[in-house]
Amino acid sequence: HLEQLQAAMQREGLSAKGEPVWARYDPP
């Protein structure tokens, strides 16, 4: 999913700032 997001950002001309953040919403 990180690779998918990075490719989509590049496709849309968006530049990243900093490290990716992994957000998890649910208990294990």
PDB file of all heavy atoms in Angstrom:
ATOM      1  N   HIS A   1       0.815  -1.211   0.000  1.00  0.00           N
ATOM      2  CA  HIS A   1       0.000   0.000   0.000  1.00  0.00           C
ATOM      3  C   HIS A   1       0.850   1.264   0.000  1.00  0.00           C
ATOM      4  O   HIS A   1       0.459   2.269  -0.588  1.00  0.00           O
ATOM      5  CB  HIS A   1      -1.000  -0.044   1.154  1.00  0.00           C
ATOM      6  CG  HIS A   1      -2.078  -1.045   0.910  1.00  0.00           C
ATOM      7  ND1 HIS A   1      -1.965  -2.358   1.293  1.00  0.00           N
ATOM      8  CD2 HIS A   1      -3.253  -0.933   0.260  1.00  0.00           C
ATOM      9  CE1 HIS A   1      -3.032  -3.008   0.905  1.00  0.00           C
ATOM     10  NE2 HIS A   1      -3.838  -2.166   0.278  1.00  0.00           N
ATOM     11  N   LEU A   2       2.005   1.218   0.634  1.00  0.00           N
ATOM     12  CA  LEU A   2       2.920   2.352   0.583  1.00  0.00           C
ATOM     13  C   LEU A   2       3.362   2.600  -0.860  1.00  0.00           C
ATOM     14  O   LEU A   2       3.350   3.740  -1.341  1.00  0.00           O
ATOM     15  CB  LEU A   2       4.138   2.109   1.477  1.00  0.00           C
ATOM     16  CG  LEU A   2       5.237   3.180   1.417  1.00  0.00           C
ATOM     17  CD1 LEU A   2       4.707   4.547   1.809  1.00  0.00           C
ATOM     18  CD2 LEU A   2       6.416   2.762   2.302  1.00  0.00           C
ATOM     19  N   GLU A   3       3.723   1.541  -1.558  1.00  0.00           N
ATOM     20  CA  GLU A   3       4.146   1.665  -2.959  1.00  0.00           C
ATOM     21  C   GLU A   3       3.007   2.229  -3.812  1.00  0.00           C
ATOM     22  O   GLU A   3       3.220   3.103  -4.659  1.00  0.00           O
ATOM     23  CB  GLU A   3       4.584   0.293  -3.480  1.00  0.00           C
ATOM     24  CG  GLU A   3       5.169   0.330  -4.871  1.00  0.00           C
ATOM     25  CD  GLU A   3       5.674  -1.050  -5.291  1.00  0.00           C
ATOM     26  OE1 GLU A   3       6.438  -1.671  -4.530  1.00  0.00           O
ATOM     27  OE2 GLU A   3       5.287  -1.475  -6.391  1.00  0.00           O
ATOM     28  N   GLN A   4       1.798   1.759  -3.553  1.00  0.00           N
ATOM     29  CA  GLN A   4       0.629   2.245  -4.296  1.00  0.00           C
ATOM     30  C   GLN A   4       0.413   3.742  -4.036  1.00  0.00           C
ATOM     31  O   GLN A   4       0.169   4.513  -4.967  1.00  0.00           O
ATOM     32  CB  GLN A   4      -0.603   1.442  -3.888  1.00  0.00           C
ATOM     33  CG  GLN A   4      -1.851   1.798  -4.649  1.00  0.00           C
ATOM     34  CD  GLN A   4      -3.060   0.972  -4.198  1.00  0.00           C
ATOM     35  OE1 GLN A   4      -2.940   0.032  -3.413  1.00  0.00           O
ATOM     36  NE2 GLN A   4      -4.225   1.350  -4.676  1.00  0.00           N
ATOM     37  N   LEU A   5       0.521   4.172  -2.777  1.00  0.00           N
ATOM     38  CA  LEU A   5       0.332   5.582  -2.436  1.00  0.00           C
ATOM     39  C   LEU A   5       1.426   6.446  -3.051  1.00  0.00           C
ATOM     40  O   LEU A   5       1.152   7.506  -3.622  1.00  0.00           O
ATOM     41  CB  LEU A   5       0.292   5.766  -0.918  1.00  0.00           C
ATOM     42  CG  LEU A   5       0.147   7.213  -0.427  1.00  0.00           C
ATOM     43  CD1 LEU A   5      -1.108   7.888  -0.984  1.00  0.00           C
ATOM     44  CD2 LEU A   5       0.144   7.252   1.103  1.00  0.00           C
ATOM     45  N   GLN A   6       2.667   6.006  -2.960  1.00  0.00           N
ATOM     46  CA  GLN A   6       3.770   6.781  -3.531  1.00  0.00           C
ATOM     47  C   GLN A   6       3.623   6.939  -5.042  1.00  0.00           C
ATOM     48  O   GLN A   6       3.849   8.023  -5.591  1.00  0.00           O
ATOM     49  CB  GLN A   6       5.111   6.137  -3.174  1.00  0.00           C
ATOM     50  CG  GLN A   6       5.455   6.286  -1.704  1.00  0.00           C
ATOM     51  CD  GLN A   6       6.651   5.465  -1.275  1.00  0.00           C
ATOM     52  OE1 GLN A   6       6.899   4.377  -1.790  1.00  0.00           O
ATOM     53  NE2 GLN A   6       7.392   5.984  -0.298  1.00  0.00           N
ATOM     54  N   ALA A   7       3.218   5.874  -5.726  1.00  0.00           N
ATOM     55  CA  ALA A   7       3.016   5.939  -7.183  1.00  0.00           C
ATOM     56  C   ALA A   7       1.857   6.886  -7.517  1.00  0.00           C
ATOM     57  O   ALA A   7       1.939   7.675  -8.460  1.00  0.00           O
ATOM     58  CB  ALA A   7       2.752   4.543  -7.746  1.00  0.00           C
ATOM     59  N   ALA A   8       0.783   6.826  -6.746  1.00  0.00           N
ATOM     60  CA  ALA A   8      -0.370   7.697  -6.988  1.00  0.00           C
ATOM     61  C   ALA A   8      -0.009   9.163  -6.727  1.00  0.00           C
ATOM     62  O   ALA A   8      -0.433  10.048  -7.483  1.00  0.00           O
ATOM     63  CB  ALA A   8      -1.540   7.270  -6.104  1.00  0.00           C
ATOM     64  N   MET A   9       0.772   9.420  -5.693  1.00  0.00           N
ATOM     65  CA  MET A   9       1.204  10.794  -5.423  1.00  0.00           C
ATOM     66  C   MET A   9       2.056  11.317  -6.571  1.00  0.00           C
ATOM     67  O   MET A   9       1.887  12.460  -7.015  1.00  0.00           O
ATOM     68  CB  MET A   9       1.988  10.864  -4.112  1.00  0.00           C
ATOM     69  CG  MET A   9       1.137  10.713  -2.868  1.00  0.00           C
ATOM     70  SD  MET A   9       2.136  10.666  -1.351  1.00  0.00           S
ATOM     71  CE  MET A   9       2.839  12.329  -1.348  1.00  0.00           C
ATOM     72  N   GLN A  10       2.951  10.487  -7.061  1.00  0.00           N
ATOM     73  CA  GLN A  10       3.813  10.894  -8.180  1.00  0.00           C
ATOM     74  C   GLN A  10       2.959  11.176  -9.415  1.00  0.00           C
ATOM     75  O   GLN A  10       3.161  12.176 -10.102  1.00  0.00           O
ATOM     76  CB  GLN A  10       4.844   9.816  -8.466  1.00  0.00           C
ATOM     77  CG  GLN A  10       5.828  10.215  -9.549  1.00  0.00           C
ATOM     78  CD  GLN A  10       6.925   9.179  -9.729  1.00  0.00           C
ATOM     79  OE1 GLN A  10       6.886   8.090  -9.184  1.00  0.00           O
ATOM     80  NE2 GLN A  10       7.913   9.546 -10.516  1.00  0.00           N
ATOM     81  N   ARG A  11       1.997  10.311  -9.674  1.00  0.00           N
ATOM     82  CA  ARG A  11       1.093  10.485 -10.819  1.00  0.00           C
ATOM     83  C   ARG A  11       0.362  11.828 -10.744  1.00  0.00           C
ATOM     84  O   ARG A  11       0.146  12.492 -11.750  1.00  0.00           O
ATOM     85  CB  ARG A  11       0.095   9.324 -10.838  1.00  0.00           C
ATOM     86  CG  ARG A  11      -0.934   9.376 -11.962  1.00  0.00           C
ATOM     87  CD  ARG A  11      -1.964   8.267 -11.856  1.00  0.00           C
ATOM     88  NE  ARG A  11      -2.871   8.554 -10.749  1.00  0.00           N
ATOM     89  CZ  ARG A  11      -3.220   7.684  -9.804  1.00  0.00           C
ATOM     90  NH1 ARG A  11      -2.762   6.455  -9.801  1.00  0.00           N
ATOM     91  NH2 ARG A  11      -4.047   8.035  -8.841  1.00  0.00           N
ATOM     92  N   GLU A  12      -0.001  12.247  -9.524  1.00  0.00           N
ATOM     93  CA  GLU A  12      -0.757  13.483  -9.326  1.00  0.00           C
ATOM     94  C   GLU A  12       0.142  14.700  -9.087  1.00  0.00           C
ATOM     95  O   GLU A  12      -0.340  15.802  -8.838  1.00  0.00           O
ATOM     96  CB  GLU A  12      -1.744  13.323  -8.159  1.00  0.00           C
ATOM     97  CG  GLU A  12      -2.774  12.230  -8.363  1.00  0.00           C
ATOM     98  CD  GLU A  12      -3.661  12.438  -9.586  1.00  0.00           C
ATOM     99  OE1 GLU A  12      -3.866  13.589 -10.016  1.00  0.00           O
ATOM    100  OE2 GLU A  12      -4.162  11.425 -10.124  1.00  0.00           O
ATOM    101  N   GLY A  13       1.464  14.499  -9.120  1.00  0.00           N
ATOM    102  CA  GLY A  13       2.396  15.611  -8.968  1.00  0.00           C
ATOM    103  C   GLY A  13       2.557  16.113  -7.545  1.00  0.00           C
ATOM    104  O   GLY A  13       2.906  17.273  -7.327  1.00  0.00           O
ATOM    105  N   LEU A  14       2.322  15.245  -6.565  1.00  0.00           N
ATOM    106  CA  LEU A  14       2.456  15.633  -5.154  1.00  0.00           C
ATOM    107  C   LEU A  14       3.804  15.187  -4.614  1.00  0.00           C
ATOM    108  O   LEU A  14       4.224  14.052  -4.844  1.00  0.00           O
ATOM    109  CB  LEU A  14       1.340  15.003  -4.319  1.00  0.00           C
ATOM    110  CG  LEU A  14      -0.085  15.420  -4.704  1.00  0.00           C
ATOM    111  CD1 LEU A  14      -1.098  14.608  -3.918  1.00  0.00           C
ATOM    112  CD2 LEU A  14      -0.289  16.910  -4.477  1.00  0.00           C
ATOM    113  N   SER A  15       4.461  16.052  -3.871  1.00  0.00           N
ATOM    114  CA  SER A  15       5.769  15.736  -3.284  1.00  0.00           C
ATOM    115  C   SER A  15       5.634  15.417  -1.808  1.00  0.00           C
ATOM    116  O   SER A  15       4.933  16.113  -1.074  1.00  0.00           O
ATOM    117  CB  SER A  15       6.718  16.929  -3.453  1.00  0.00           C
ATOM    118  OG  SER A  15       6.927  17.185  -4.810  1.00  0.00           O
ATOM    119  N   ALA A  16       6.329  14.366  -1.385  1.00  0.00           N
ATOM    120  CA  ALA A  16       6.303  13.931   0.015  1.00  0.00           C
ATOM    121  C   ALA A  16       7.224  14.786   0.868  1.00  0.00           C
ATOM    122  O   ALA A  16       8.228  15.312   0.405  1.00  0.00           O
ATOM    123  CB  ALA A  16       6.722  12.469   0.104  1.00  0.00           C
ATOM    124  N   LYS A  17       6.850  14.875   2.134  1.00  0.00           N
ATOM    125  CA  LYS A  17       7.643  15.596   3.132  1.00  0.00           C
ATOM    126  C   LYS A  17       7.728  14.684   4.353  1.00  0.00           C
ATOM    127  O   LYS A  17       6.725  14.432   5.005  1.00  0.00           O
ATOM    128  CB  LYS A  17       6.941  16.912   3.480  1.00  0.00           C
ATOM    129  CG  LYS A  17       7.599  17.716   4.549  1.00  0.00           C
ATOM    130  CD  LYS A  17       6.768  18.977   4.799  1.00  0.00           C
ATOM    131  CE  LYS A  17       7.333  19.763   5.947  1.00  0.00           C
ATOM    132  NZ  LYS A  17       6.506  20.951   6.222  1.00  0.00           N
ATOM    133  N   GLY A  18       8.890  14.161   4.646  1.00  0.00           N
ATOM    134  CA  GLY A  18       9.037  13.301   5.813  1.00  0.00           C
ATOM    135  C   GLY A  18       8.739  11.841   5.541  1.00  0.00           C
ATOM    136  O   GLY A  18       8.516  11.424   4.407  1.00  0.00           O
ATOM    137  N   GLU A  19       8.742  11.080   6.610  1.00  0.00           N
ATOM    138  CA  GLU A  19       8.557   9.627   6.554  1.00  0.00           C
ATOM    139  C   GLU A  19       7.069   9.253   6.533  1.00  0.00           C
ATOM    140  O   GLU A  19       6.237   9.965   7.095  1.00  0.00           O
ATOM    141  CB  GLU A  19       9.208   8.978   7.783  1.00  0.00           C
ATOM    142  CG  GLU A  19      10.705   9.156   7.863  1.00  0.00           C
ATOM    143  CD  GLU A  19      11.473   8.267   6.909  1.00  0.00           C
ATOM    144  OE1 GLU A  19      10.884   7.324   6.351  1.00  0.00           O
ATOM    145  OE2 GLU A  19      12.672   8.523   6.723  1.00  0.00           O
ATOM    146  N   PRO A  20       6.718   8.112   5.914  1.00  0.00           N
ATOM    147  CA  PRO A  20       5.335   7.635   5.946  1.00  0.00           C
ATOM    148  C   PRO A  20       4.919   7.280   7.373  1.00  0.00           C
ATOM    149  O   PRO A  20       5.720   6.801   8.177  1.00  0.00           O
ATOM    150  CB  PRO A  20       5.350   6.379   5.081  1.00  0.00           C
ATOM    151  CG  PRO A  20       6.660   6.351   4.399  1.00  0.00           C
ATOM    152  CD  PRO A  20       7.594   7.232   5.151  1.00  0.00           C
ATOM    153  N   VAL A  21       3.647   7.511   7.666  1.00  0.00           N
ATOM    154  CA  VAL A  21       3.069   7.202   8.980  1.00  0.00           C
ATOM    155  C   VAL A  21       2.075   6.062   8.795  1.00  0.00           C
ATOM    156  O   VAL A  21       1.181   6.137   7.949  1.00  0.00           O
ATOM    157  CB  VAL A  21       2.346   8.445   9.559  1.00  0.00           C
ATOM    158  CG1 VAL A  21       1.657   8.111  10.872  1.00  0.00           C
ATOM    159  CG2 VAL A  21       3.327   9.597   9.726  1.00  0.00           C
ATOM    160  N   TRP A  22       2.218   5.017   9.606  1.00  0.00           N
ATOM    161  CA  TRP A  22       1.309   3.880   9.563  1.00  0.00           C
ATOM    162  C   TRP A  22       0.263   4.103  10.644  1.00  0.00           C
ATOM    163  O   TRP A  22       0.601   4.215  11.826  1.00  0.00           O
ATOM    164  CB  TRP A  22       2.086   2.609   9.821  1.00  0.00           C
ATOM    165  CG  TRP A  22       1.377   1.324   9.489  1.00  0.00           C
ATOM    166  CD1 TRP A  22       0.141   1.166   8.930  1.00  0.00           C
ATOM    167  CD2 TRP A  22       1.890   0.013   9.683  1.00  0.00           C
ATOM    168  NE1 TRP A  22      -0.148  -0.160   8.762  1.00  0.00           N
ATOM    169  CE2 TRP A  22       0.917  -0.892   9.223  1.00  0.00           C
ATOM    170  CE3 TRP A  22       3.072  -0.496  10.194  1.00  0.00           C
ATOM    171  CZ2 TRP A  22       1.088  -2.270   9.266  1.00  0.00           C
ATOM    172  CZ3 TRP A  22       3.245  -1.864  10.238  1.00  0.00           C
ATOM    173  CH2 TRP A  22       2.267  -2.739   9.779  1.00  0.00           C
ATOM    174  N   ALA A  23      -1.004   4.177  10.258  1.00  0.00           N
ATOM    175  CA  ALA A  23      -2.101   4.435  11.192  1.00  0.00           C
ATOM    176  C   ALA A  23      -2.982   3.195  11.277  1.00  0.00           C
ATOM    177  O   ALA A  23      -3.511   2.733  10.269  1.00  0.00           O
ATOM    178  CB  ALA A  23      -2.908   5.639  10.718  1.00  0.00           C
ATOM    179  N   ARG A  24      -3.127   2.688  12.496  1.00  0.00           N
ATOM    180  CA  ARG A  24      -3.952   1.496  12.713  1.00  0.00           C
ATOM    181  C   ARG A  24      -5.081   1.850  13.667  1.00  0.00           C
ATOM    182  O   ARG A  24      -4.840   2.375  14.748  1.00  0.00           O
ATOM    183  CB  ARG A  24      -3.090   0.356  13.249  1.00  0.00           C
ATOM    184  CG  ARG A  24      -2.103  -0.087  12.168  1.00  0.00           C
ATOM    185  CD  ARG A  24      -1.127  -1.071  12.664  1.00  0.00           C
ATOM    186  NE  ARG A  24      -0.040  -0.349  13.326  1.00  0.00           N
ATOM    187  CZ  ARG A  24       1.042  -0.917  13.799  1.00  0.00           C
ATOM    188  NH1 ARG A  24       1.200  -2.217  13.714  1.00  0.00           N
ATOM    189  NH2 ARG A  24       1.989  -0.198  14.362  1.00  0.00           N
ATOM    190  N   TYR A  25      -6.310   1.566  13.247  1.00  0.00           N
ATOM    191  CA  TYR A  25      -7.499   2.016  13.959  1.00  0.00           C
ATOM    192  C   TYR A  25      -8.122   0.989  14.899  1.00  0.00           C
ATOM    193  O   TYR A  25      -8.963   1.351  15.709  1.00  0.00           O
ATOM    194  CB  TYR A  25      -8.568   2.454  12.951  1.00  0.00           C
ATOM    195  CG  TYR A  25      -8.247   3.776  12.300  1.00  0.00           C
ATOM    196  CD1 TYR A  25      -7.365   3.852  11.228  1.00  0.00           C
ATOM    197  CD2 TYR A  25      -8.824   4.947  12.763  1.00  0.00           C
ATOM    198  CE1 TYR A  25      -7.067   5.063  10.638  1.00  0.00           C
ATOM    199  CE2 TYR A  25      -8.529   6.164  12.178  1.00  0.00           C
ATOM    200  CZ  TYR A  25      -7.647   6.214  11.120  1.00  0.00           C
ATOM    201  OH  TYR A  25      -7.343   7.420  10.546  1.00  0.00           O
ATOM    202  N   ASP A  26      -7.765  -0.262  14.783  1.00  0.00           N
ATOM    203  CA  ASP A  26      -8.499  -1.313  15.491  1.00  0.00           C
ATOM    204  C   ASP A  26      -7.622  -2.094  16.455  1.00  0.00           C
ATOM    205  O   ASP A  26      -6.410  -2.198  16.260  1.00  0.00           O
ATOM    206  CB  ASP A  26      -9.115  -2.275  14.477  1.00  0.00           C
ATOM    207  CG  ASP A  26     -10.046  -1.559  13.523  1.00  0.00           C
ATOM    208  OD1 ASP A  26     -11.016  -0.945  13.996  1.00  0.00           O
ATOM    209  OD2 ASP A  26      -9.784  -1.596  12.302  1.00  0.00           O
ATOM    210  N   PRO A  27      -8.254  -2.695  17.473  1.00  0.00           N
ATOM    211  CA  PRO A  27      -7.494  -3.536  18.402  1.00  0.00           C
ATOM    212  C   PRO A  27      -7.083  -4.843  17.741  1.00  0.00           C
ATOM    213  O   PRO A  27      -7.696  -5.269  16.750  1.00  0.00           O
ATOM    214  CB  PRO A  27      -8.490  -3.785  19.546  1.00  0.00           C
ATOM    215  CG  PRO A  27      -9.837  -3.603  18.934  1.00  0.00           C
ATOM    216  CD  PRO A  27      -9.672  -2.593  17.830  1.00  0.00           C
ATOM    217  N   PRO A  28      -6.051  -5.501  18.284  1.00  0.00           N
ATOM    218  CA  PRO A  28      -5.549  -6.734  17.660  1.00  0.00           C
ATOM    219  C   PRO A  28      -6.549  -7.885  17.645  1.00  0.00           C
ATOM    220  O   PRO A  28      -6.429  -8.783  16.828  1.00  0.00           O
ATOM    221  CB  PRO A  28      -4.320  -7.093  18.494  1.00  0.00           C
ATOM    222  CG  PRO A  28      -4.328  -6.211  19.669  1.00  0.00           C
ATOM    223  CD  PRO A  28      -5.285  -5.097  19.435  1.00  0.00           C
TER     224      PRO A  28
END
